PDB file of N, CA and C in Angstrom:
ATOM      1  N   MET A   1     -21.318  20.959  10.742  1.00  0.00           N
ATOM      2  CA  MET A   1     -22.411  20.602   9.855  1.00  0.00           C
ATOM      3  C   MET A   1     -22.192  21.266   8.494  1.00  0.00           C
ATOM      4  N   LEU A   2     -22.355  20.489   7.456  1.00  0.00           N
ATOM      5  CA  LEU A   2     -22.210  21.019   6.098  1.00  0.00           C
ATOM      6  C   LEU A   2     -23.444  21.825   5.712  1.00  0.00           C
ATOM      7  N   THR A   3     -23.201  22.905   5.021  1.00  0.00           N
ATOM      8  CA  THR A   3     -24.310  23.698   4.500  1.00  0.00           C
ATOM      9  C   THR A   3     -24.502  23.352   3.032  1.00  0.00           C
ATOM     10  N   ILE A   4     -25.597  23.779   2.472  1.00  0.00           N
ATOM     11  CA  ILE A   4     -25.852  23.547   1.056  1.00  0.00           C
ATOM     12  C   ILE A   4     -24.791  24.244   0.200  1.00  0.00           C
ATOM     13  N   GLN A   5     -24.303  25.380   0.684  1.00  0.00           N
ATOM     14  CA  GLN A   5     -23.243  26.103  -0.023  1.00  0.00           C
ATOM     15  C   GLN A   5     -21.962  25.263  -0.089  1.00  0.00           C
ATOM     16  N   ASP A   6     -21.621  24.575   1.025  1.00  0.00           N
ATOM     17  CA  ASP A   6     -20.440  23.702   1.049  1.00  0.00           C
ATOM     18  C   ASP A   6     -20.572  22.581   0.021  1.00  0.00           C
ATOM     19  N   VAL A   7     -21.745  21.998  -0.040  1.00  0.00           N
ATOM     20  CA  VAL A   7     -21.990  20.902  -0.983  1.00  0.00           C
ATOM     21  C   VAL A   7     -21.877  21.395  -2.417  1.00  0.00           C
ATOM     22  N   LEU A   8     -22.482  22.535  -2.711  1.00  0.00           N
ATOM     23  CA  LEU A   8     -22.422  23.088  -4.070  1.00  0.00           C
ATOM     24  C   LEU A   8     -20.991  23.463  -4.456  1.00  0.00           C
ATOM     25  N   GLU A   9     -20.243  24.026  -3.500  1.00  0.00           N
ATOM     26  CA  GLU A   9     -18.854  24.390  -3.777  1.00  0.00           C
ATOM     27  C   GLU A   9     -18.005  23.153  -4.061  1.00  0.00           C
ATOM     28  N   THR A  10     -18.192  22.110  -3.279  1.00  0.00           N
ATOM     29  CA  THR A  10     -17.456  20.859  -3.503  1.00  0.00           C
ATOM     30  C   THR A  10     -17.829  20.244  -4.842  1.00  0.00           C
ATOM     31  N   ASN A  11     -19.106  20.242  -5.166  1.00  0.00           N
ATOM     32  CA  ASN A  11     -19.567  19.710  -6.448  1.00  0.00           C
ATOM     33  C   ASN A  11     -18.922  20.475  -7.604  1.00  0.00           C
ATOM     34  N   GLN A  12     -18.843  21.792  -7.488  1.00  0.00           N
ATOM     35  CA  GLN A  12     -18.223  22.603  -8.537  1.00  0.00           C
ATOM     36  C   GLN A  12     -16.733  22.263  -8.659  1.00  0.00           C
ATOM     37  N   MET A  13     -16.057  22.076  -7.521  1.00  0.00           N
ATOM     38  CA  MET A  13     -14.627  21.739  -7.571  1.00  0.00           C
ATOM     39  C   MET A  13     -14.413  20.391  -8.254  1.00  0.00           C
ATOM     40  N   ILE A  14     -15.283  19.434  -8.023  1.00  0.00           N
ATOM     41  CA  ILE A  14     -15.143  18.114  -8.643  1.00  0.00           C
ATOM     42  C   ILE A  14     -15.418  18.196 -10.136  1.00  0.00           C
ATOM     43  N   GLN A  15     -16.495  18.883 -10.520  1.00  0.00           N
ATOM     44  CA  GLN A  15     -16.885  18.919 -11.930  1.00  0.00           C
ATOM     45  C   GLN A  15     -16.025  19.863 -12.773  1.00  0.00           C
ATOM     46  N   LYS A  16     -15.750  21.045 -12.269  1.00  0.00           N
ATOM     47  CA  LYS A  16     -15.054  22.043 -13.079  1.00  0.00           C
ATOM     48  C   LYS A  16     -13.545  22.053 -12.863  1.00  0.00           C
ATOM     49  N   ASN A  17     -13.111  21.744 -11.658  1.00  0.00           N
ATOM     50  CA  ASN A  17     -11.681  21.824 -11.338  1.00  0.00           C
ATOM     51  C   ASN A  17     -11.026  20.454 -11.207  1.00  0.00           C
ATOM     52  N   ASN A  18     -11.796  19.394 -11.492  1.00  0.00           N
ATOM     53  CA  ASN A  18     -11.293  18.024 -11.418  1.00  0.00           C
ATOM     54  C   ASN A  18     -10.691  17.672 -10.055  1.00  0.00           C
ATOM     55  N   LEU A  19     -11.348  18.096  -8.983  1.00  0.00           N
ATOM     56  CA  LEU A  19     -10.892  17.771  -7.638  1.00  0.00           C
ATOM     57  C   LEU A  19     -10.961  16.269  -7.430  1.00  0.00           C
ATOM     58  N   ASP A  20      -9.886  15.718  -6.892  1.00  0.00           N
ATOM     59  CA  ASP A  20      -9.886  14.323  -6.489  1.00  0.00           C
ATOM     60  C   ASP A  20      -8.839  14.137  -5.408  1.00  0.00           C
ATOM     61  N   VAL A  21      -8.882  12.975  -4.798  1.00  0.00           N
ATOM     62  CA  VAL A  21      -7.839  12.588  -3.855  1.00  0.00           C
ATOM     63  C   VAL A  21      -6.926  11.672  -4.642  1.00  0.00           C
ATOM     64  N   ARG A  22      -5.672  12.051  -4.786  1.00  0.00           N
ATOM     65  CA  ARG A  22      -4.736  11.283  -5.598  1.00  0.00           C
ATOM     66  C   ARG A  22      -4.541   9.877  -5.053  1.00  0.00           C
ATOM     67  N   THR A  23      -4.260   9.765  -3.769  1.00  0.00           N
ATOM     68  CA  THR A  23      -3.871   8.463  -3.230  1.00  0.00           C
ATOM     69  C   THR A  23      -4.227   8.340  -1.759  1.00  0.00           C
ATOM     70  N   ILE A  24      -4.652   7.149  -1.383  1.00  0.00           N
ATOM     71  CA  ILE A  24      -4.676   6.786   0.027  1.00  0.00           C
ATOM     72  C   ILE A  24      -3.672   5.649   0.194  1.00  0.00           C
ATOM     73  N   THR A  25      -2.934   5.677   1.288  1.00  0.00           N
ATOM     74  CA  THR A  25      -1.870   4.698   1.503  1.00  0.00           C
ATOM     75  C   THR A  25      -2.032   4.039   2.866  1.00  0.00           C
ATOM     76  N   MET A  26      -1.970   2.716   2.872  1.00  0.00           N
ATOM     77  CA  MET A  26      -1.956   1.949   4.120  1.00  0.00           C
ATOM     78  C   MET A  26      -0.518   1.542   4.393  1.00  0.00           C
ATOM     79  N   GLY A  27      -0.009   1.885   5.548  1.00  0.00           N
ATOM     80  CA  GLY A  27       1.334   1.472   5.948  1.00  0.00           C
ATOM     81  C   GLY A  27       1.277   0.173   6.725  1.00  0.00           C
ATOM     82  N   ILE A  28       2.089  -0.790   6.346  1.00  0.00           N
ATOM     83  CA  ILE A  28       2.123  -2.089   7.021  1.00  0.00           C
ATOM     84  C   ILE A  28       3.558  -2.408   7.418  1.00  0.00           C
ATOM     85  N   SER A  29       3.776  -2.628   8.698  1.00  0.00           N
ATOM     86  CA  SER A  29       5.097  -3.041   9.173  1.00  0.00           C
ATOM     87  C   SER A  29       5.255  -4.535   8.939  1.00  0.00           C
ATOM     88  N   LEU A  30       6.349  -4.909   8.308  1.00  0.00           N
ATOM     89  CA  LEU A  30       6.634  -6.319   8.054  1.00  0.00           C
ATOM     90  C   LEU A  30       7.723  -6.863   8.981  1.00  0.00           C
ATOM     91  N   LEU A  31       8.127  -6.100   9.977  1.00  0.00           N
ATOM     92  CA  LEU A  31       9.222  -6.535  10.847  1.00  0.00           C
ATOM     93  C   LEU A  31       8.926  -7.859  11.548  1.00  0.00           C
ATOM     94  N   ASP A  32       7.659  -8.103  11.878  1.00  0.00           N
ATOM     95  CA  ASP A  32       7.323  -9.365  12.538  1.00  0.00           C
ATOM     96  C   ASP A  32       7.211 -10.537  11.558  1.00  0.00           C
ATOM     97  N   CYS A  33       7.472 -10.290  10.290  1.00  0.00           N
ATOM     98  CA  CYS A  33       7.449 -11.353   9.274  1.00  0.00           C
ATOM     99  C   CYS A  33       8.806 -12.018   9.092  1.00  0.00           C
ATOM    100  N   CYS A  34       9.829 -11.471   9.714  1.00  0.00           N
ATOM    101  CA  CYS A  34      11.190 -11.984   9.542  1.00  0.00           C
ATOM    102  C   CYS A  34      11.261 -13.480   9.829  1.00  0.00           C
ATOM    103  N   ALA A  35      12.053 -14.163   9.020  1.00  0.00           N
ATOM    104  CA  ALA A  35      12.277 -15.599   9.194  1.00  0.00           C
ATOM    105  C   ALA A  35      13.598 -15.949   8.518  1.00  0.00           C
ATOM    106  N   SER A  36      14.263 -16.963   9.044  1.00  0.00           N
ATOM    107  CA  SER A  36      15.538 -17.361   8.435  1.00  0.00           C
ATOM    108  C   SER A  36      15.321 -18.113   7.130  1.00  0.00           C
ATOM    109  N   ASP A  37      14.181 -18.764   7.002  1.00  0.00           N
ATOM    110  CA  ASP A  37      13.843 -19.500   5.788  1.00  0.00           C
ATOM    111  C   ASP A  37      13.124 -18.575   4.810  1.00  0.00           C
ATOM    112  N   GLY A  38      13.622 -18.473   3.585  1.00  0.00           N
ATOM    113  CA  GLY A  38      13.058 -17.584   2.582  1.00  0.00           C
ATOM    114  C   GLY A  38      11.608 -17.865   2.251  1.00  0.00           C
ATOM    115  N   LYS A  39      11.251 -19.139   2.166  1.00  0.00           N
ATOM    116  CA  LYS A  39       9.870 -19.505   1.838  1.00  0.00           C
ATOM    117  C   LYS A  39       8.917 -19.064   2.951  1.00  0.00           C
ATOM    118  N   THR A  40       9.328 -19.292   4.193  1.00  0.00           N
ATOM    119  CA  THR A  40       8.517 -18.862   5.335  1.00  0.00           C
ATOM    120  C   THR A  40       8.378 -17.346   5.346  1.00  0.00           C
ATOM    121  N   LEU A  41       9.476 -16.651   5.066  1.00  0.00           N
ATOM    122  CA  LEU A  41       9.453 -15.191   4.999  1.00  0.00           C
ATOM    123  C   LEU A  41       8.433 -14.723   3.972  1.00  0.00           C
ATOM    124  N   CYS A  42       8.485 -15.269   2.781  1.00  0.00           N
ATOM    125  CA  CYS A  42       7.547 -14.876   1.725  1.00  0.00           C
ATOM    126  C   CYS A  42       6.102 -15.174   2.119  1.00  0.00           C
ATOM    127  N   ASN A  43       5.873 -16.327   2.714  1.00  0.00           N
ATOM    128  CA  ASN A  43       4.519 -16.671   3.168  1.00  0.00           C
ATOM    129  C   ASN A  43       4.040 -15.687   4.236  1.00  0.00           C
ATOM    130  N   ASN A  44       4.924 -15.337   5.173  1.00  0.00           N
ATOM    131  CA  ASN A  44       4.560 -14.384   6.228  1.00  0.00           C
ATOM    132  C   ASN A  44       4.197 -13.016   5.636  1.00  0.00           C
ATOM    133  N   ILE A  45       4.995 -12.570   4.679  1.00  0.00           N
ATOM    134  CA  ILE A  45       4.747 -11.276   4.033  1.00  0.00           C
ATOM    135  C   ILE A  45       3.406 -11.295   3.309  1.00  0.00           C
ATOM    136  N   TYR A  46       3.180 -12.326   2.518  1.00  0.00           N
ATOM    137  CA  TYR A  46       1.924 -12.447   1.768  1.00  0.00           C
ATOM    138  C   TYR A  46       0.722 -12.455   2.710  1.00  0.00           C
ATOM    139  N   ASP A  47       0.813 -13.278   3.746  1.00  0.00           N
ATOM    140  CA  ASP A  47      -0.306 -13.401   4.685  1.00  0.00           C
ATOM    141  C   ASP A  47      -0.615 -12.078   5.374  1.00  0.00           C
ATOM    142  N   LYS A  48       0.413 -11.359   5.781  1.00  0.00           N
ATOM    143  CA  LYS A  48       0.180 -10.105   6.500  1.00  0.00           C
ATOM    144  C   LYS A  48      -0.417  -9.039   5.582  1.00  0.00           C
ATOM    145  N   ILE A  49       0.123  -8.902   4.385  1.00  0.00           N
ATOM    146  CA  ILE A  49      -0.403  -7.884   3.468  1.00  0.00           C
ATOM    147  C   ILE A  49      -1.839  -8.193   3.079  1.00  0.00           C
ATOM    148  N   THR A  50      -2.122  -9.446   2.778  1.00  0.00           N
ATOM    149  CA  THR A  50      -3.492  -9.783   2.370  1.00  0.00           C
ATOM    150  C   THR A  50      -4.477  -9.698   3.536  1.00  0.00           C
ATOM    151  N   LYS A  51      -4.003  -9.941   4.743  1.00  0.00           N
ATOM    152  CA  LYS A  51      -4.880  -9.822   5.922  1.00  0.00           C
ATOM    153  C   LYS A  51      -5.225  -8.356   6.195  1.00  0.00           C
ATOM    154  N   TYR A  52      -4.207  -7.513   6.290  1.00  0.00           N
ATOM    155  CA  TYR A  52      -4.442  -6.118   6.642  1.00  0.00           C
ATOM    156  C   TYR A  52      -4.961  -5.288   5.472  1.00  0.00           C
ATOM    157  N   GLY A  53      -4.596  -5.647   4.258  1.00  0.00           N
ATOM    158  CA  GLY A  53      -5.014  -4.874   3.094  1.00  0.00           C
ATOM    159  C   GLY A  53      -6.282  -5.374   2.432  1.00  0.00           C
ATOM    160  N   GLU A  54      -6.867  -6.404   3.003  1.00  0.00           N
ATOM    161  CA  GLU A  54      -8.035  -7.050   2.410  1.00  0.00           C
ATOM    162  C   GLU A  54      -9.164  -6.077   2.059  1.00  0.00           C
ATOM    163  N   HIS A  55      -9.418  -5.099   2.901  1.00  0.00           N
ATOM    164  CA  HIS A  55     -10.547  -4.183   2.699  1.00  0.00           C
ATOM    165  C   HIS A  55     -10.125  -2.780   2.265  1.00  0.00           C
ATOM    166  N   LEU A  56      -8.869  -2.605   1.885  1.00  0.00           N
ATOM    167  CA  LEU A  56      -8.373  -1.278   1.523  1.00  0.00           C
ATOM    168  C   LEU A  56      -9.144  -0.669   0.358  1.00  0.00           C
ATOM    169  N   VAL A  57      -9.303  -1.407  -0.710  1.00  0.00           N
ATOM    170  CA  VAL A  57      -9.970  -0.874  -1.900  1.00  0.00           C
ATOM    171  C   VAL A  57     -11.429  -0.559  -1.604  1.00  0.00           C
ATOM    172  N   GLU A  58     -12.130  -1.478  -0.969  1.00  0.00           N
ATOM    173  CA  GLU A  58     -13.555  -1.222  -0.698  1.00  0.00           C
ATOM    174  C   GLU A  58     -13.732  -0.080   0.304  1.00  0.00           C
ATOM    175  N   THR A  59     -12.811   0.059   1.249  1.00  0.00           N
ATOM    176  CA  THR A  59     -12.875   1.174   2.192  1.00  0.00           C
ATOM    177  C   THR A  59     -12.636   2.498   1.468  1.00  0.00           C
ATOM    178  N   GLY A  60     -11.648   2.517   0.582  1.00  0.00           N
ATOM    179  CA  GLY A  60     -11.392   3.719  -0.215  1.00  0.00           C
ATOM    180  C   GLY A  60     -12.589   4.104  -1.059  1.00  0.00           C
ATOM    181  N   GLU A  61     -13.241   3.121  -1.650  1.00  0.00           N
ATOM    182  CA  GLU A  61     -14.417   3.397  -2.466  1.00  0.00           C
ATOM    183  C   GLU A  61     -15.586   3.887  -1.614  1.00  0.00           C
ATOM    184  N   ALA A  62     -15.717   3.337  -0.403  1.00  0.00           N
ATOM    185  CA  ALA A  62     -16.771   3.786   0.510  1.00  0.00           C
ATOM    186  C   ALA A  62     -16.541   5.241   0.938  1.00  0.00           C
ATOM    187  N   ILE A  63     -15.294   5.580   1.222  1.00  0.00           N
ATOM    188  CA  ILE A  63     -14.962   6.967   1.579  1.00  0.00           C
ATOM    189  C   ILE A  63     -15.260   7.885   0.404  1.00  0.00           C
ATOM    190  N   SER A  64     -14.904   7.445  -0.782  1.00  0.00           N
ATOM    191  CA  SER A  64     -15.155   8.224  -1.986  1.00  0.00           C
ATOM    192  C   SER A  64     -16.652   8.483  -2.163  1.00  0.00           C
ATOM    193  N   ARG A  65     -17.454   7.452  -1.968  1.00  0.00           N
ATOM    194  CA  ARG A  65     -18.915   7.604  -2.086  1.00  0.00           C
ATOM    195  C   ARG A  65     -19.464   8.511  -0.992  1.00  0.00           C
ATOM    196  N   GLU A  66     -18.973   8.331   0.232  1.00  0.00           N
ATOM    197  CA  GLU A  66     -19.488   9.102   1.369  1.00  0.00           C
ATOM    198  C   GLU A  66     -19.244  10.598   1.194  1.00  0.00           C
ATOM    199  N   TYR A  67     -18.052  10.955   0.736  1.00  0.00           N
ATOM    200  CA  TYR A  67     -17.711  12.363   0.607  1.00  0.00           C
ATOM    201  C   TYR A  67     -17.870  12.896  -0.811  1.00  0.00           C
ATOM    202  N   GLY A  68     -18.140  12.013  -1.757  1.00  0.00           N
ATOM    203  CA  GLY A  68     -18.366  12.440  -3.128  1.00  0.00           C
ATOM    204  C   GLY A  68     -17.121  12.939  -3.841  1.00  0.00           C
ATOM    205  N   VAL A  69     -15.943  12.508  -3.375  1.00  0.00           N
ATOM    206  CA  VAL A  69     -14.685  12.924  -3.990  1.00  0.00           C
ATOM    207  C   VAL A  69     -13.963  11.676  -4.483  1.00  0.00           C
ATOM    208  N   PRO A  70     -13.642  11.616  -5.768  1.00  0.00           N
ATOM    209  CA  PRO A  70     -12.961  10.428  -6.287  1.00  0.00           C
ATOM    210  C   PRO A  70     -11.589  10.215  -5.638  1.00  0.00           C
ATOM    211  N   ILE A  71     -11.289   8.972  -5.317  1.00  0.00           N
ATOM    212  CA  ILE A  71      -9.956   8.585  -4.834  1.00  0.00           C
ATOM    213  C   ILE A  71      -9.333   7.766  -5.952  1.00  0.00           C
ATOM    214  N   ILE A  72      -8.278   8.292  -6.532  1.00  0.00           N
ATOM    215  CA  ILE A  72      -7.712   7.719  -7.747  1.00  0.00           C
ATOM    216  C   ILE A  72      -6.909   6.448  -7.479  1.00  0.00           C
ATOM    217  N   ASN A  73      -6.002   6.460  -6.500  1.00  0.00           N
ATOM    218  CA  ASN A  73      -5.122   5.319  -6.243  1.00  0.00           C
ATOM    219  C   ASN A  73      -5.241   4.852  -4.803  1.00  0.00           C
ATOM    220  N   LYS A  74      -5.204   3.556  -4.649  1.00  0.00           N
ATOM    221  CA  LYS A  74      -5.100   2.947  -3.326  1.00  0.00           C
ATOM    222  C   LYS A  74      -3.799   2.158  -3.333  1.00  0.00           C
ATOM    223  N   ARG A  75      -2.974   2.339  -2.290  1.00  0.00           N
ATOM    224  CA  ARG A  75      -1.687   1.657  -2.293  1.00  0.00           C
ATOM    225  C   ARG A  75      -1.297   1.253  -0.881  1.00  0.00           C
ATOM    226  N   VAL A  76      -0.265   0.427  -0.817  1.00  0.00           N
ATOM    227  CA  VAL A  76       0.292  -0.051   0.448  1.00  0.00           C
ATOM    228  C   VAL A  76       1.770   0.304   0.476  1.00  0.00           C
ATOM    229  N   SER A  77       2.239   0.705   1.634  1.00  0.00           N
ATOM    230  CA  SER A  77       3.660   0.963   1.843  1.00  0.00           C
ATOM    231  C   SER A  77       4.128   0.023   2.950  1.00  0.00           C
ATOM    232  N   VAL A  78       5.242  -0.669   2.721  1.00  0.00           N
ATOM    233  CA  VAL A  78       5.731  -1.635   3.702  1.00  0.00           C
ATOM    234  C   VAL A  78       7.132  -1.264   4.184  1.00  0.00           C
ATOM    235  N   THR A  79       7.533  -1.897   5.253  1.00  0.00           N
ATOM    236  CA  THR A  79       8.884  -1.758   5.786  1.00  0.00           C
ATOM    237  C   THR A  79       9.887  -2.073   4.684  1.00  0.00           C
ATOM    238  N   PRO A  80      10.989  -1.322   4.589  1.00  0.00           N
ATOM    239  CA  PRO A  80      11.983  -1.653   3.561  1.00  0.00           C
ATOM    240  C   PRO A  80      12.375  -3.139   3.619  1.00  0.00           C
ATOM    241  N   ILE A  81      12.313  -3.771   2.485  1.00  0.00           N
ATOM    242  CA  ILE A  81      12.555  -5.216   2.406  1.00  0.00           C
ATOM    243  C   ILE A  81      13.959  -5.588   2.873  1.00  0.00           C
ATOM    244  N   SER A  82      14.908  -4.700   2.698  1.00  0.00           N
ATOM    245  CA  SER A  82      16.267  -5.018   3.155  1.00  0.00           C
ATOM    246  C   SER A  82      16.305  -5.256   4.665  1.00  0.00           C
ATOM    247  N   LEU A  83      15.433  -4.595   5.415  1.00  0.00           N
ATOM    248  CA  LEU A  83      15.370  -4.817   6.869  1.00  0.00           C
ATOM    249  C   LEU A  83      14.684  -6.129   7.209  1.00  0.00           C
ATOM    250  N   VAL A  84      13.694  -6.474   6.425  1.00  0.00           N
ATOM    251  CA  VAL A  84      12.888  -7.665   6.694  1.00  0.00           C
ATOM    252  C   VAL A  84      13.616  -8.941   6.275  1.00  0.00           C
ATOM    253  N   ALA A  85      14.327  -8.896   5.168  1.00  0.00           N
ATOM    254  CA  ALA A  85      14.939 -10.094   4.600  1.00  0.00           C
ATOM    255  C   ALA A  85      16.393 -10.294   5.003  1.00  0.00           C
ATOM    256  N   GLY A  86      16.951  -9.360   5.737  1.00  0.00           N
ATOM    257  CA  GLY A  86      18.362  -9.425   6.081  1.00  0.00           C
ATOM    258  C   GLY A  86      18.780 -10.681   6.818  1.00  0.00           C
ATOM    259  N   ALA A  87      17.908 -11.248   7.623  1.00  0.00           N
ATOM    260  CA  ALA A  87      18.257 -12.437   8.402  1.00  0.00           C
ATOM    261  C   ALA A  87      17.874 -13.737   7.701  1.00  0.00           C
ATOM    262  N   SER A  88      17.321 -13.628   6.503  1.00  0.00           N
ATOM    263  CA  SER A  88      16.879 -14.841   5.805  1.00  0.00           C
ATOM    264  C   SER A  88      18.032 -15.478   5.036  1.00  0.00           C
ATOM    265  N   ASP A  89      17.784 -16.678   4.531  1.00  0.00           N
ATOM    266  CA  ASP A  89      18.796 -17.393   3.752  1.00  0.00           C
ATOM    267  C   ASP A  89      18.751 -17.023   2.265  1.00  0.00           C
ATOM    268  N   LEU A  90      17.939 -16.040   1.904  1.00  0.00           N
ATOM    269  CA  LEU A  90      17.810 -15.650   0.504  1.00  0.00           C
ATOM    270  C   LEU A  90      19.070 -14.943   0.012  1.00  0.00           C
ATOM    271  N   THR A  91      19.500 -15.307  -1.183  1.00  0.00           N
ATOM    272  CA  THR A  91      20.626 -14.615  -1.811  1.00  0.00           C
ATOM    273  C   THR A  91      20.131 -13.625  -2.862  1.00  0.00           C
ATOM    274  N   SER A  92      18.849 -13.744  -3.205  1.00  0.00           N
ATOM    275  CA  SER A  92      18.204 -12.844  -4.158  1.00  0.00           C
ATOM    276  C   SER A  92      16.819 -12.520  -3.599  1.00  0.00           C
ATOM    277  N   TYR A  93      16.385 -11.289  -3.797  1.00  0.00           N
ATOM    278  CA  TYR A  93      15.073 -10.879  -3.283  1.00  0.00           C
ATOM    279  C   TYR A  93      13.979 -10.961  -4.348  1.00  0.00           C
ATOM    280  N   VAL A  94      14.242 -11.657  -5.432  1.00  0.00           N
ATOM    281  CA  VAL A  94      13.254 -11.796  -6.508  1.00  0.00           C
ATOM    282  C   VAL A  94      11.981 -12.469  -6.002  1.00  0.00           C
ATOM    283  N   ASP A  95      12.126 -13.499  -5.178  1.00  0.00           N
ATOM    284  CA  ASP A  95      10.944 -14.185  -4.641  1.00  0.00           C
ATOM    285  C   ASP A  95      10.095 -13.240  -3.796  1.00  0.00           C
ATOM    286  N   ILE A  96      10.741 -12.341  -3.069  1.00  0.00           N
ATOM    287  CA  ILE A  96       9.988 -11.370  -2.266  1.00  0.00           C
ATOM    288  C   ILE A  96       9.257 -10.393  -3.185  1.00  0.00           C
ATOM    289  N   ALA A  97       9.912  -9.959  -4.242  1.00  0.00           N
ATOM    290  CA  ALA A  97       9.266  -9.057  -5.202  1.00  0.00           C
ATOM    291  C   ALA A  97       8.032  -9.733  -5.812  1.00  0.00           C
ATOM    292  N   ARG A  98       8.154 -10.985  -6.148  1.00  0.00           N
ATOM    293  CA  ARG A  98       7.006 -11.736  -6.695  1.00  0.00           C
ATOM    294  C   ARG A  98       5.895 -11.868  -5.656  1.00  0.00           C
ATOM    295  N   THR A  99       6.293 -12.075  -4.404  1.00  0.00           N
ATOM    296  CA  THR A  99       5.315 -12.183  -3.320  1.00  0.00           C
ATOM    297  C   THR A  99       4.560 -10.869  -3.145  1.00  0.00           C
ATOM    298  N   LEU A 100       5.274  -9.752  -3.177  1.00  0.00           N
ATOM    299  CA  LEU A 100       4.626  -8.447  -3.068  1.00  0.00           C
ATOM    300  C   LEU A 100       3.665  -8.215  -4.225  1.00  0.00           C
ATOM    301  N   ASP A 101       4.086  -8.589  -5.423  1.00  0.00           N
ATOM    302  CA  ASP A 101       3.235  -8.436  -6.601  1.00  0.00           C
ATOM    303  C   ASP A 101       1.972  -9.289  -6.480  1.00  0.00           C
ATOM    304  N   LYS A 102       2.144 -10.504  -6.023  1.00  0.00           N
ATOM    305  CA  LYS A 102       1.012 -11.419  -5.846  1.00  0.00           C
ATOM    306  C   LYS A 102       0.040 -10.884  -4.797  1.00  0.00           C
ATOM    307  N   ALA A 103       0.570 -10.362  -3.692  1.00  0.00           N
ATOM    308  CA  ALA A 103      -0.273  -9.802  -2.630  1.00  0.00           C
ATOM    309  C   ALA A 103      -1.028  -8.574  -3.133  1.00  0.00           C
ATOM    310  N   ALA A 104      -0.349  -7.734  -3.916  1.00  0.00           N
ATOM    311  CA  ALA A 104      -1.000  -6.538  -4.473  1.00  0.00           C
ATOM    312  C   ALA A 104      -2.180  -6.929  -5.361  1.00  0.00           C
ATOM    313  N   LYS A 105      -1.973  -7.914  -6.199  1.00  0.00           N
ATOM    314  CA  LYS A 105      -3.058  -8.379  -7.071  1.00  0.00           C
ATOM    315  C   LYS A 105      -4.213  -8.944  -6.251  1.00  0.00           C
ATOM    316  N   GLU A 106      -3.883  -9.679  -5.208  1.00  0.00           N
ATOM    317  CA  GLU A 106      -4.914 -10.293  -4.360  1.00  0.00           C
ATOM    318  C   GLU A 106      -5.814  -9.246  -3.709  1.00  0.00           C
ATOM    319  N   ILE A 107      -5.232  -8.149  -3.246  1.00  0.00           N
ATOM    320  CA  ILE A 107      -6.052  -7.133  -2.569  1.00  0.00           C
ATOM    321  C   ILE A 107      -6.567  -6.058  -3.520  1.00  0.00           C
ATOM    322  N   GLY A 108      -6.176  -6.133  -4.793  1.00  0.00           N
ATOM    323  CA  GLY A 108      -6.742  -5.252  -5.810  1.00  0.00           C
ATOM    324  C   GLY A 108      -6.076  -3.898  -5.951  1.00  0.00           C
ATOM    325  N   ILE A 109      -4.791  -3.819  -5.608  1.00  0.00           N
ATOM    326  CA  ILE A 109      -4.077  -2.553  -5.773  1.00  0.00           C
ATOM    327  C   ILE A 109      -3.000  -2.701  -6.843  1.00  0.00           C
ATOM    328  N   LYS A 110      -2.478  -1.570  -7.293  1.00  0.00           N
ATOM    329  CA  LYS A 110      -1.474  -1.590  -8.352  1.00  0.00           C
ATOM    330  C   LYS A 110      -0.075  -1.257  -7.856  1.00  0.00           C
ATOM    331  N   PHE A 111       0.055  -0.817  -6.593  1.00  0.00           N
ATOM    332  CA  PHE A 111       1.362  -0.378  -6.128  1.00  0.00           C
ATOM    333  C   PHE A 111       1.593  -0.735  -4.670  1.00  0.00           C
ATOM    334  N   ILE A 112       2.738  -1.364  -4.402  1.00  0.00           N
ATOM    335  CA  ILE A 112       3.225  -1.563  -3.041  1.00  0.00           C
ATOM    336  C   ILE A 112       4.599  -0.927  -2.980  1.00  0.00           C
ATOM    337  N   GLY A 113       4.766   0.030  -2.098  1.00  0.00           N
ATOM    338  CA  GLY A 113       6.053   0.689  -1.914  1.00  0.00           C
ATOM    339  C   GLY A 113       6.816   0.029  -0.780  1.00  0.00           C
ATOM    340  N   GLY A 114       8.119  -0.057  -0.904  1.00  0.00           N
ATOM    341  CA  GLY A 114       8.930  -0.612   0.164  1.00  0.00           C
ATOM    342  C   GLY A 114       9.971  -1.596  -0.295  1.00  0.00           C
ATOM    343  N   PHE A 115       9.981  -1.915  -1.589  1.00  0.00           N
ATOM    344  CA  PHE A 115      11.026  -2.818  -2.086  1.00  0.00           C
ATOM    345  C   PHE A 115      12.279  -1.974  -2.234  1.00  0.00           C
ATOM    346  N   ALA A 116      12.902  -1.717  -1.095  1.00  0.00           N
ATOM    347  CA  ALA A 116      14.022  -0.792  -1.076  1.00  0.00           C
ATOM    348  C   ALA A 116      15.056  -1.261  -0.062  1.00  0.00           C
ATOM    349  N   ALA A 117      16.186  -0.608  -0.099  1.00  0.00           N
ATOM    350  CA  ALA A 117      17.257  -0.884   0.854  1.00  0.00           C
ATOM    351  C   ALA A 117      17.652   0.417   1.517  1.00  0.00           C
ATOM    352  N   LEU A 118      17.967   0.343   2.793  1.00  0.00           N
ATOM    353  CA  LEU A 118      18.496   1.498   3.500  1.00  0.00           C
ATOM    354  C   LEU A 118      20.002   1.453   3.408  1.00  0.00           C
ATOM    355  N   VAL A 119      20.600   2.480   2.904  1.00  0.00           N
ATOM    356  CA  VAL A 119      22.054   2.514   2.787  1.00  0.00           C
ATOM    357  C   VAL A 119      22.577   3.802   3.402  1.00  0.00           C
ATOM    358  N   ALA A 120      23.816   3.760   3.833  1.00  0.00           N
ATOM    359  CA  ALA A 120      24.435   4.950   4.403  1.00  0.00           C
ATOM    360  C   ALA A 120      24.724   5.962   3.318  1.00  0.00           C
ATOM    361  N   ARG A 121      24.725   7.227   3.690  1.00  0.00           N
ATOM    362  CA  ARG A 121      25.016   8.295   2.733  1.00  0.00           C
ATOM    363  C   ARG A 121      26.402   8.055   2.110  1.00  0.00           C
ATOM    364  N   GLY A 122      26.479   8.248   0.816  1.00  0.00           N
ATOM    365  CA  GLY A 122      27.742   8.080   0.124  1.00  0.00           C
ATOM    366  C   GLY A 122      27.918   6.713  -0.502  1.00  0.00           C
ATOM    367  N   MET A 123      27.007   5.776  -0.245  1.00  0.00           N
ATOM    368  CA  MET A 123      27.107   4.452  -0.855  1.00  0.00           C
ATOM    369  C   MET A 123      26.699   4.541  -2.308  1.00  0.00           C
ATOM    370  N   GLY A 124      27.256   3.698  -3.152  1.00  0.00           N
ATOM    371  CA  GLY A 124      26.916   3.728  -4.569  1.00  0.00           C
ATOM    372  C   GLY A 124      26.343   2.421  -5.023  1.00  0.00           C
TER     373      GLY A 124
END
C-alpha cells in the first residue's frame, strides 16, 4: 500500500528531477509471417503488427495516468527481418521497410526495431 509520503516523494521526483519512463517496448515475433511471396509476406507483417500493437499507445498512456509517471516513447521490436524474409522471393527488403513504417504509423508509434540481419562474427 502506498503511503502519502510515497506519493509526495514520487511527485517531487517528477517535478524537480524530471522522472519519467523513457520507453515501453512490445516485442512481436514475425516468424509465423513467413511466406514465399513478397506481397503476402508484407501483408502478414502489417496485419500482425497492427493487430498486436493496436492498443500499445493507449495502454502506455493509461499506465502513465495510473502511476502518474510520464512514458516518453512507445515502440515495437520485431524478429530480425533477415530471418522472416529469407524464404521469400524478394530481392530487396525495401517493401518490408515500407510495410513496417506503414504499420508504425497505423498504431501511432515512431519506432519499430528489427530491420536487421543476423550475421556471423567477422562478416563485413
